[in-house]
Amino acid sequence: MTTEAEPGQDSVDPPASGEFREKIWRYYREYRRDLPWRNTTDPYRILVSEIMLQQTQVDRVREKYHQFIGRFPDVRTLAEATTVEVLGVWQGLGYNRRALSLHRIAVQVERETGGRIPEDDASLRSMPGIGPYTSAAIQAFAFNKPVVMIETNIRRVYIHCFFGDRTGVADREILPLIEATLDRENPREWYNALMDYGYCLGSHAENPNRRSRHYQRQAPFIGSNRQLRGKIIRTLVQGGEMECDDLFRAVEEPGSMVEPVLTELETEGFIARDHDRVRIR
């Protein structure tokens, strides 16, 4: 089914809505992906998966998710862990800032609610690393709430099915369609179904997200500030406290390049410095 929406369209007629839902459900019944975080409704495990999935492909998350849950099976064990322990398990997943956020969330939840992950948007978004989408995803997948949310796979589905060949499609045009077609009785499975269909579109056809107004190519990783940050964290996790000169040699970069990154990491709470020595905080 392809129904082109006009700019600003805020609804979809009932027959088209039903046809669209049946198309998505039919695909899902046959091609559902078996992902470990889909086999639980434990809010903590959903939280871990959603933080891990930020800006990271599912296949990379799958293995690391098992390792992380095996080491930190609940909020308390994560809250009681050291930063070094958390970053050590996280290595290989990238975007270490997410690990720090997850650790801080666990400490906050353990302190404020005795380990119970909240289910309301305001409480979730008060926590580090949780924005509008992650909050909505936790509400949908952990608590089966019929919230309206959009991410790359969901966006891909609606652009493909409702916007014909249009370019420059804005999320504000898509969100009313998501709300109009939402399965409010089973939002958890509905969003899983949408994501699987969107994943298929991204794998086997021209990516419809290229027609999104919000589409951006990811910057190259090799030689980036992000790569250097990762090397520094990995070196300190493995080697412990180090002299700065030893760290420069270990990451194979001059101090003039490493020093600004160390300042960033110190400001963000990753590391602590004592004169010429540096360690994970």
C-alpha atoms as a PDB file:
ATOM      1  CA  MET A   1       0.000   0.000   0.000  1.00  0.00           C
ATOM      2  CA  THR A   2       1.285   3.464  -0.887  1.00  0.00           C
ATOM      3  CA  THR A   3      -0.810   6.436   0.129  1.00  0.00           C
ATOM      4  CA  GLU A   4       0.797   9.818  -0.353  1.00  0.00           C
ATOM      5  CA  ALA A   5       0.216  12.279   2.447  1.00  0.00           C
ATOM      6  CA  GLU A   6       0.011  15.972   1.758  1.00  0.00           C
ATOM      7  CA  PRO A   7       2.274  18.287   3.799  1.00  0.00           C
ATOM      8  CA  GLY A   8       0.727  18.843   7.193  1.00  0.00           C
ATOM      9  CA  GLN A   9      -1.588  15.830   6.914  1.00  0.00           C
ATOM     10  CA  ASP A  10      -2.588  14.904  10.456  1.00  0.00           C
ATOM     11  CA  SER A  11      -4.760  11.853   9.936  1.00  0.00           C
ATOM     12  CA  VAL A  12      -5.236   8.736   7.835  1.00  0.00           C
ATOM     13  CA  ASP A  13      -8.619   7.366   6.817  1.00  0.00           C
ATOM     14  CA  PRO A  14      -9.763   4.209   8.713  1.00  0.00           C
ATOM     15  CA  PRO A  15      -9.622   1.796   5.737  1.00  0.00           C
ATOM     16  CA  ALA A  16      -6.071   2.852   4.893  1.00  0.00           C
ATOM     17  CA  SER A  17      -5.107   2.628   8.556  1.00  0.00           C
ATOM     18  CA  GLY A  18      -6.454  -0.913   8.843  1.00  0.00           C
ATOM     19  CA  GLU A  19      -4.764  -1.980   5.606  1.00  0.00           C
ATOM     20  CA  PHE A  20      -1.481  -0.527   6.772  1.00  0.00           C
ATOM     21  CA  ARG A  21      -1.642  -2.268  10.142  1.00  0.00           C
ATOM     22  CA  GLU A  22      -2.482  -5.603   8.582  1.00  0.00           C
ATOM     23  CA  LYS A  23       0.478  -5.263   6.218  1.00  0.00           C
ATOM     24  CA  ILE A  24       2.864  -4.631   9.109  1.00  0.00           C
ATOM     25  CA  TRP A  25       1.404  -7.398  11.297  1.00  0.00           C
ATOM     26  CA  ARG A  26       1.532  -9.878   8.417  1.00  0.00           C
ATOM     27  CA  TYR A  27       5.204  -9.209   7.850  1.00  0.00           C
ATOM     28  CA  TYR A  28       5.930  -9.446  11.570  1.00  0.00           C
ATOM     29  CA  ARG A  29       4.182 -12.794  11.974  1.00  0.00           C
ATOM     30  CA  GLU A  30       6.450 -14.281   9.326  1.00  0.00           C
ATOM     31  CA  TYR A  31       9.741 -12.469   9.851  1.00  0.00           C
ATOM     32  CA  ARG A  32       9.870 -11.411  13.510  1.00  0.00           C
ATOM     33  CA  ARG A  33      13.439 -10.949  14.718  1.00  0.00           C
ATOM     34  CA  ASP A  34      14.343 -12.838  17.888  1.00  0.00           C
ATOM     35  CA  LEU A  35      16.127 -10.256  20.018  1.00  0.00           C
ATOM     36  CA  PRO A  36      16.922 -10.898  23.700  1.00  0.00           C
ATOM     37  CA  TRP A  37      15.349  -7.705  25.027  1.00  0.00           C
ATOM     38  CA  ARG A  38      12.079  -8.680  23.353  1.00  0.00           C
ATOM     39  CA  ASN A  39      11.847 -11.720  25.603  1.00  0.00           C
ATOM     40  CA  THR A  40      11.487  -9.666  28.771  1.00  0.00           C
ATOM     41  CA  THR A  41       9.348  -6.889  30.174  1.00  0.00           C
ATOM     42  CA  ASP A  42      11.774  -6.208  33.041  1.00  0.00           C
ATOM     43  CA  PRO A  43      12.099  -2.397  33.020  1.00  0.00           C
ATOM     44  CA  TYR A  44      15.781  -2.561  34.006  1.00  0.00           C
ATOM     45  CA  ARG A  45      16.660  -4.848  31.106  1.00  0.00           C
ATOM     46  CA  ILE A  46      14.631  -2.714  28.710  1.00  0.00           C
ATOM     47  CA  LEU A  47      16.501   0.340  30.003  1.00  0.00           C
ATOM     48  CA  VAL A  48      19.862  -1.335  29.376  1.00  0.00           C
ATOM     49  CA  SER A  49      18.887  -2.347  25.848  1.00  0.00           C
ATOM     50  CA  GLU A  50      17.567   1.090  24.932  1.00  0.00           C
ATOM     51  CA  ILE A  51      20.686   2.889  26.157  1.00  0.00           C
ATOM     52  CA  MET A  52      22.848   0.392  24.270  1.00  0.00           C
ATOM     53  CA  LEU A  53      20.815   0.773  21.081  1.00  0.00           C
ATOM     54  CA  GLN A  54      21.334   4.528  20.917  1.00  0.00           C
ATOM     55  CA  GLN A  55      23.323   5.154  17.699  1.00  0.00           C
ATOM     56  CA  THR A  56      24.395   1.494  17.573  1.00  0.00           C
ATOM     57  CA  GLN A  57      23.350  -1.346  15.292  1.00  0.00           C
ATOM     58  CA  VAL A  58      21.355  -4.239  16.714  1.00  0.00           C
ATOM     59  CA  ASP A  59      23.933  -6.900  15.823  1.00  0.00           C
ATOM     60  CA  ARG A  60      26.621  -5.104  17.846  1.00  0.00           C
ATOM     61  CA  VAL A  61      24.312  -4.715  20.825  1.00  0.00           C
ATOM     62  CA  ARG A  62      23.076  -8.313  20.926  1.00  0.00           C
ATOM     63  CA  GLU A  63      26.268  -9.918  22.277  1.00  0.00           C
ATOM     64  CA  LYS A  64      27.201  -7.040  24.573  1.00  0.00           C
ATOM     65  CA  TYR A  65      23.699  -7.007  26.078  1.00  0.00           C
ATOM     66  CA  HIS A  66      24.116 -10.612  27.274  1.00  0.00           C
ATOM     67  CA  GLN A  67      27.521  -9.812  28.770  1.00  0.00           C
ATOM     68  CA  PHE A  68      26.285  -6.696  30.526  1.00  0.00           C
ATOM     69  CA  ILE A  69      23.171  -8.329  31.996  1.00  0.00           C
ATOM     70  CA  GLY A  70      25.268 -11.310  33.063  1.00  0.00           C
ATOM     71  CA  ARG A  71      27.603  -9.040  35.016  1.00  0.00           C
ATOM     72  CA  PHE A  72      24.981  -6.527  36.232  1.00  0.00           C
ATOM     73  CA  PRO A  73      21.650  -8.408  36.405  1.00  0.00           C
ATOM     74  CA  ASP A  74      19.735  -5.691  38.253  1.00  0.00           C
ATOM     75  CA  VAL A  75      19.782  -2.055  39.285  1.00  0.00           C
ATOM     76  CA  ARG A  76      21.532  -2.712  42.584  1.00  0.00           C
ATOM     77  CA  THR A  77      24.504  -4.599  41.146  1.00  0.00           C
ATOM     78  CA  LEU A  78      25.021  -1.871  38.557  1.00  0.00           C
ATOM     79  CA  ALA A  79      24.661   0.911  41.128  1.00  0.00           C
ATOM     80  CA  GLU A  80      27.237  -0.749  43.389  1.00  0.00           C
ATOM     81  CA  ALA A  81      29.773  -1.297  40.582  1.00  0.00           C
ATOM     82  CA  THR A  82      32.744   0.971  40.004  1.00  0.00           C
ATOM     83  CA  THR A  83      33.082   3.081  36.882  1.00  0.00           C
ATOM     84  CA  VAL A  84      36.045   0.948  35.832  1.00  0.00           C
ATOM     85  CA  GLU A  85      33.955  -2.234  36.110  1.00  0.00           C
ATOM     86  CA  VAL A  86      31.113  -0.761  34.053  1.00  0.00           C
ATOM     87  CA  LEU A  87      33.401   0.619  31.352  1.00  0.00           C
ATOM     88  CA  GLY A  88      35.307  -2.658  31.262  1.00  0.00           C
ATOM     89  CA  VAL A  89      32.179  -4.623  30.323  1.00  0.00           C
ATOM     90  CA  TRP A  90      31.074  -1.884  27.920  1.00  0.00           C
ATOM     91  CA  GLN A  91      34.293  -1.926  25.867  1.00  0.00           C
ATOM     92  CA  GLY A  92      33.707  -2.689  22.197  1.00  0.00           C
ATOM     93  CA  LEU A  93      30.287  -1.049  22.075  1.00  0.00           C
ATOM     94  CA  GLY A  94      31.452   2.535  21.624  1.00  0.00           C
ATOM     95  CA  TYR A  95      29.981   5.819  22.831  1.00  0.00           C
ATOM     96  CA  ASN A  96      31.287   5.289  26.370  1.00  0.00           C
ATOM     97  CA  ARG A  97      29.258   8.264  27.565  1.00  0.00           C
ATOM     98  CA  ARG A  98      26.214   5.972  27.479  1.00  0.00           C
ATOM     99  CA  ALA A  99      27.837   3.568  29.954  1.00  0.00           C
ATOM    100  CA  LEU A 100      28.483   6.432  32.333  1.00  0.00           C
ATOM    101  CA  SER A 101      24.874   7.589  31.970  1.00  0.00           C
ATOM    102  CA  LEU A 102      23.560   4.079  32.611  1.00  0.00           C
ATOM    103  CA  HIS A 103      25.692   3.767  35.735  1.00  0.00           C
ATOM    104  CA  ARG A 104      24.458   7.133  37.013  1.00  0.00           C
ATOM    105  CA  ILE A 105      20.849   6.183  36.289  1.00  0.00           C
ATOM    106  CA  ALA A 106      21.257   3.028  38.380  1.00  0.00           C
ATOM    107  CA  VAL A 107      22.707   5.006  41.283  1.00  0.00           C
ATOM    108  CA  GLN A 108      19.862   7.536  41.070  1.00  0.00           C
ATOM    109  CA  VAL A 109      17.131   4.877  40.815  1.00  0.00           C
ATOM    110  CA  GLU A 110      18.576   2.821  43.659  1.00  0.00           C
ATOM    111  CA  ARG A 111      18.771   5.918  45.859  1.00  0.00           C
ATOM    112  CA  GLU A 112      15.386   7.442  44.994  1.00  0.00           C
ATOM    113  CA  THR A 113      13.065   4.475  44.389  1.00  0.00           C
ATOM    114  CA  GLY A 114      14.853   1.469  45.839  1.00  0.00           C
ATOM    115  CA  GLY A 115      15.690   0.097  42.402  1.00  0.00           C
ATOM    116  CA  ARG A 116      12.309   0.554  40.689  1.00  0.00           C
ATOM    117  CA  ILE A 117      12.550   2.051  37.192  1.00  0.00           C
ATOM    118  CA  PRO A 118       9.890   4.791  36.895  1.00  0.00           C
ATOM    119  CA  GLU A 119       7.298   4.613  34.134  1.00  0.00           C
ATOM    120  CA  ASP A 120       6.315   8.257  33.694  1.00  0.00           C
ATOM    121  CA  ASP A 121       7.953  10.525  31.132  1.00  0.00           C
ATOM    122  CA  ALA A 122       8.973  13.300  33.525  1.00  0.00           C
ATOM    123  CA  SER A 123      10.831  10.955  35.871  1.00  0.00           C
ATOM    124  CA  LEU A 124      12.517   9.084  33.046  1.00  0.00           C
ATOM    125  CA  ARG A 125      13.671  12.253  31.308  1.00  0.00           C
ATOM    126  CA  SER A 126      15.134  13.603  34.546  1.00  0.00           C
ATOM    127  CA  MET A 127      17.789  10.898  34.281  1.00  0.00           C
ATOM    128  CA  PRO A 128      21.102  11.256  32.424  1.00  0.00           C
ATOM    129  CA  GLY A 129      21.165  10.003  28.853  1.00  0.00           C
ATOM    130  CA  ILE A 130      17.373   9.658  28.534  1.00  0.00           C
ATOM    131  CA  GLY A 131      15.720  11.908  25.966  1.00  0.00           C
ATOM    132  CA  PRO A 132      12.237  11.891  24.410  1.00  0.00           C
ATOM    133  CA  TYR A 133      12.687   8.753  22.311  1.00  0.00           C
ATOM    134  CA  THR A 134      14.410   6.632  24.980  1.00  0.00           C
ATOM    135  CA  SER A 135      11.773   7.611  27.532  1.00  0.00           C
ATOM    136  CA  ALA A 136       8.978   6.670  25.132  1.00  0.00           C
ATOM    137  CA  ALA A 137      10.663   3.377  24.233  1.00  0.00           C
ATOM    138  CA  ILE A 138      10.965   2.382  27.897  1.00  0.00           C
ATOM    139  CA  GLN A 139       7.295   3.243  28.438  1.00  0.00           C
ATOM    140  CA  ALA A 140       6.218   1.203  25.405  1.00  0.00           C
ATOM    141  CA  PHE A 141       8.444  -1.851  25.755  1.00  0.00           C
ATOM    142  CA  ALA A 142       8.597  -2.158  29.550  1.00  0.00           C
ATOM    143  CA  PHE A 143       5.123  -0.917  30.480  1.00  0.00           C
ATOM    144  CA  ASN A 144       3.138  -1.388  27.216  1.00  0.00           C
ATOM    145  CA  LYS A 145       2.015   2.242  27.185  1.00  0.00           C
ATOM    146  CA  PRO A 146       0.536   3.582  23.912  1.00  0.00           C
ATOM    147  CA  VAL A 147       2.997   6.448  23.547  1.00  0.00           C
ATOM    148  CA  VAL A 148       3.855   8.004  20.194  1.00  0.00           C
ATOM    149  CA  MET A 149       7.509   7.694  19.234  1.00  0.00           C
ATOM    150  CA  ILE A 150       9.766   7.800  16.213  1.00  0.00           C
ATOM    151  CA  GLU A 151      13.221   6.438  15.436  1.00  0.00           C
ATOM    152  CA  THR A 152      15.091   5.545  12.269  1.00  0.00           C
ATOM    153  CA  ASN A 153      13.244   2.305  11.395  1.00  0.00           C
ATOM    154  CA  ILE A 154       9.817   3.695  12.236  1.00  0.00           C
ATOM    155  CA  ARG A 155      10.537   6.823  10.197  1.00  0.00           C
ATOM    156  CA  ARG A 156      11.586   4.647   7.273  1.00  0.00           C
ATOM    157  CA  VAL A 157       8.262   2.748   7.292  1.00  0.00           C
ATOM    158  CA  TYR A 158       6.040   5.824   7.251  1.00  0.00           C
ATOM    159  CA  ILE A 159       8.022   7.638   4.578  1.00  0.00           C
ATOM    160  CA  HIS A 160       7.886   4.519   2.394  1.00  0.00           C
ATOM    161  CA  CYS A 161       4.190   3.818   2.912  1.00  0.00           C
ATOM    162  CA  PHE A 162       2.638   7.283   3.113  1.00  0.00           C
ATOM    163  CA  PHE A 163       4.794   9.833   1.282  1.00  0.00           C
ATOM    164  CA  GLY A 164       5.302   8.403  -2.187  1.00  0.00           C
ATOM    165  CA  ASP A 165       8.443   9.912  -3.761  1.00  0.00           C
ATOM    166  CA  ARG A 166       8.416  13.090  -1.710  1.00  0.00           C
ATOM    167  CA  THR A 167      11.657  14.446  -0.302  1.00  0.00           C
ATOM    168  CA  GLY A 168      12.193  16.658   2.714  1.00  0.00           C
ATOM    169  CA  VAL A 169       9.630  14.829   4.843  1.00  0.00           C
ATOM    170  CA  ALA A 170       9.610  16.260   8.364  1.00  0.00           C
ATOM    171  CA  ASP A 171       8.990  14.271  11.535  1.00  0.00           C
ATOM    172  CA  ARG A 172       6.146  16.648  12.402  1.00  0.00           C
ATOM    173  CA  GLU A 173       4.313  15.248   9.370  1.00  0.00           C
ATOM    174  CA  ILE A 174       4.989  11.647  10.367  1.00  0.00           C
ATOM    175  CA  LEU A 175       4.082  11.801  14.061  1.00  0.00           C
ATOM    176  CA  PRO A 176       0.305  12.281  13.506  1.00  0.00           C
ATOM    177  CA  LEU A 177       0.323   9.237  11.229  1.00  0.00           C
ATOM    178  CA  ILE A 178       2.091   7.182  13.884  1.00  0.00           C
ATOM    179  CA  GLU A 179      -0.554   8.229  16.389  1.00  0.00           C
ATOM    180  CA  ALA A 180      -3.417   7.513  13.983  1.00  0.00           C
ATOM    181  CA  THR A 181      -2.198   3.993  13.178  1.00  0.00           C
ATOM    182  CA  LEU A 182      -0.974   3.039  16.654  1.00  0.00           C
ATOM    183  CA  ASP A 183      -2.221  -0.274  18.044  1.00  0.00           C
ATOM    184  CA  ARG A 184      -3.199   0.992  21.477  1.00  0.00           C
ATOM    185  CA  GLU A 185      -4.024  -2.449  22.844  1.00  0.00           C
ATOM    186  CA  ASN A 186      -0.583  -3.858  22.091  1.00  0.00           C
ATOM    187  CA  PRO A 187       1.884  -1.008  21.493  1.00  0.00           C
ATOM    188  CA  ARG A 188       4.854  -3.120  22.616  1.00  0.00           C
ATOM    189  CA  GLU A 189       4.470  -5.646  19.810  1.00  0.00           C
ATOM    190  CA  TRP A 190       3.277  -3.031  17.324  1.00  0.00           C
ATOM    191  CA  TYR A 191       6.465  -1.022  17.644  1.00  0.00           C
ATOM    192  CA  ASN A 192       8.525  -4.204  17.363  1.00  0.00           C
ATOM    193  CA  ALA A 193       6.633  -4.982  14.160  1.00  0.00           C
ATOM    194  CA  LEU A 194       7.219  -1.495  12.750  1.00  0.00           C
ATOM    195  CA  MET A 195      10.917  -1.702  13.527  1.00  0.00           C
ATOM    196  CA  ASP A 196      11.275  -5.088  11.858  1.00  0.00           C
ATOM    197  CA  TYR A 197       9.535  -3.851   8.719  1.00  0.00           C
ATOM    198  CA  GLY A 198      11.708  -0.731   8.724  1.00  0.00           C
ATOM    199  CA  TYR A 199      14.827  -2.848   9.163  1.00  0.00           C
ATOM    200  CA  CYS A 200      13.793  -4.860   6.110  1.00  0.00           C
ATOM    201  CA  LEU A 201      13.299  -1.691   4.053  1.00  0.00           C
ATOM    202  CA  GLY A 202      16.751  -0.486   5.035  1.00  0.00           C
ATOM    203  CA  SER A 203      18.344  -3.804   4.151  1.00  0.00           C
ATOM    204  CA  HIS A 204      16.776  -4.568   0.784  1.00  0.00           C
ATOM    205  CA  ALA A 205      15.754  -1.289  -0.831  1.00  0.00           C
ATOM    206  CA  GLU A 206      16.873   2.285  -1.246  1.00  0.00           C
ATOM    207  CA  ASN A 207      16.792   3.782   2.223  1.00  0.00           C
ATOM    208  CA  PRO A 208      13.586   5.880   2.463  1.00  0.00           C
ATOM    209  CA  ASN A 209      15.200   7.876   5.274  1.00  0.00           C
ATOM    210  CA  ARG A 210      17.301   9.673   2.673  1.00  0.00           C
ATOM    211  CA  ARG A 211      14.069  11.513   1.909  1.00  0.00           C
ATOM    212  CA  SER A 212      13.713  12.693   5.500  1.00  0.00           C
ATOM    213  CA  ARG A 213      14.395  16.331   6.279  1.00  0.00           C
ATOM    214  CA  HIS A 214      16.393  15.099   9.262  1.00  0.00           C
ATOM    215  CA  TYR A 215      18.664  12.680   7.379  1.00  0.00           C
ATOM    216  CA  GLN A 216      22.382  13.061   8.100  1.00  0.00           C
ATOM    217  CA  ARG A 217      25.307  10.880   7.171  1.00  0.00           C
ATOM    218  CA  GLN A 218      27.343   9.720  10.146  1.00  0.00           C
ATOM    219  CA  ALA A 219      30.771  11.318  10.333  1.00  0.00           C
ATOM    220  CA  PRO A 220      33.742   8.973   9.679  1.00  0.00           C
ATOM    221  CA  PHE A 221      34.988   7.203  12.811  1.00  0.00           C
ATOM    222  CA  ILE A 222      38.639   6.715  11.804  1.00  0.00           C
ATOM    223  CA  GLY A 223      40.711   9.667  12.961  1.00  0.00           C
ATOM    224  CA  SER A 224      37.789  11.255  14.803  1.00  0.00           C
ATOM    225  CA  ASN A 225      37.664  12.723  18.275  1.00  0.00           C
ATOM    226  CA  ARG A 226      35.308   9.865  19.152  1.00  0.00           C
ATOM    227  CA  GLN A 227      37.930   7.281  18.190  1.00  0.00           C
ATOM    228  CA  LEU A 228      40.563   8.982  20.352  1.00  0.00           C
ATOM    229  CA  ARG A 229      38.171   9.177  23.312  1.00  0.00           C
ATOM    230  CA  GLY A 230      37.546   5.457  22.990  1.00  0.00           C
ATOM    231  CA  LYS A 231      41.263   4.646  22.859  1.00  0.00           C
ATOM    232  CA  ILE A 232      41.941   6.702  25.980  1.00  0.00           C
ATOM    233  CA  ILE A 233      39.113   5.082  27.970  1.00  0.00           C
ATOM    234  CA  ARG A 234      40.098   1.591  26.827  1.00  0.00           C
ATOM    235  CA  THR A 235      43.748   2.174  27.747  1.00  0.00           C
ATOM    236  CA  LEU A 236      42.903   3.439  31.228  1.00  0.00           C
ATOM    237  CA  VAL A 237      40.390   0.636  31.876  1.00  0.00           C
ATOM    238  CA  GLN A 238      43.010  -1.960  30.950  1.00  0.00           C
ATOM    239  CA  GLY A 239      46.101  -0.280  32.410  1.00  0.00           C
ATOM    240  CA  GLY A 240      44.835   1.558  35.464  1.00  0.00           C
ATOM    241  CA  GLU A 241      46.311   4.857  36.605  1.00  0.00           C
ATOM    242  CA  MET A 242      49.014   6.142  34.261  1.00  0.00           C
ATOM    243  CA  GLU A 243      51.482   8.952  33.781  1.00  0.00           C
ATOM    244  CA  CYS A 244      50.201  11.270  31.054  1.00  0.00           C
ATOM    245  CA  ASP A 245      53.321  10.734  28.939  1.00  0.00           C
ATOM    246  CA  ASP A 246      52.771   6.974  29.118  1.00  0.00           C
ATOM    247  CA  LEU A 247      49.165   7.472  28.060  1.00  0.00           C
ATOM    248  CA  PHE A 248      50.216   9.585  25.075  1.00  0.00           C
ATOM    249  CA  ARG A 249      52.537   6.806  23.930  1.00  0.00           C
ATOM    250  CA  ALA A 250      49.915   4.115  24.531  1.00  0.00           C
ATOM    251  CA  VAL A 251      47.322   5.845  22.335  1.00  0.00           C
ATOM    252  CA  GLU A 252      50.017   6.796  19.816  1.00  0.00           C
ATOM    253  CA  GLU A 253      49.075  10.449  19.669  1.00  0.00           C
ATOM    254  CA  PRO A 254      50.946  13.627  20.723  1.00  0.00           C
ATOM    255  CA  GLY A 255      50.041  15.361  23.936  1.00  0.00           C
ATOM    256  CA  SER A 256      48.757  18.368  21.979  1.00  0.00           C
ATOM    257  CA  MET A 257      45.988  16.163  20.585  1.00  0.00           C
ATOM    258  CA  VAL A 258      45.301  14.146  23.728  1.00  0.00           C
ATOM    259  CA  GLU A 259      45.202  16.981  26.268  1.00  0.00           C
ATOM    260  CA  PRO A 260      41.983  18.633  24.960  1.00  0.00           C
ATOM    261  CA  VAL A 261      40.259  15.236  24.979  1.00  0.00           C
ATOM    262  CA  LEU A 262      41.423  14.575  28.530  1.00  0.00           C
ATOM    263  CA  THR A 263      39.907  17.908  29.533  1.00  0.00           C
ATOM    264  CA  GLU A 264      36.593  16.847  27.960  1.00  0.00           C
ATOM    265  CA  LEU A 265      36.663  13.482  29.713  1.00  0.00           C
ATOM    266  CA  GLU A 266      37.492  15.061  33.055  1.00  0.00           C
ATOM    267  CA  THR A 267      34.649  17.585  32.700  1.00  0.00           C
ATOM    268  CA  GLU A 268      32.216  14.785  31.838  1.00  0.00           C
ATOM    269  CA  GLY A 269      33.240  12.739  34.879  1.00  0.00           C
ATOM    270  CA  PHE A 270      35.047   9.889  33.113  1.00  0.00           C
ATOM    271  CA  ILE A 271      38.527  10.515  34.502  1.00  0.00           C
ATOM    272  CA  ALA A 272      40.343  12.141  37.409  1.00  0.00           C
ATOM    273  CA  ARG A 273      43.740  13.847  37.130  1.00  0.00           C
ATOM    274  CA  ASP A 274      46.378  14.391  39.806  1.00  0.00           C
ATOM    275  CA  HIS A 275      49.162  16.523  38.388  1.00  0.00           C
ATOM    276  CA  ASP A 276      50.694  14.335  35.651  1.00  0.00           C
ATOM    277  CA  ARG A 277      48.739  11.198  36.459  1.00  0.00           C
ATOM    278  CA  VAL A 278      45.328  10.188  35.131  1.00  0.00           C
ATOM    279  CA  ARG A 279      42.833   7.416  35.985  1.00  0.00           C
ATOM    280  CA  ILE A 280      39.216   6.409  35.503  1.00  0.00           C
ATOM    281  CA  ARG A 281      37.157   8.228  38.130  1.00  0.00           C
END
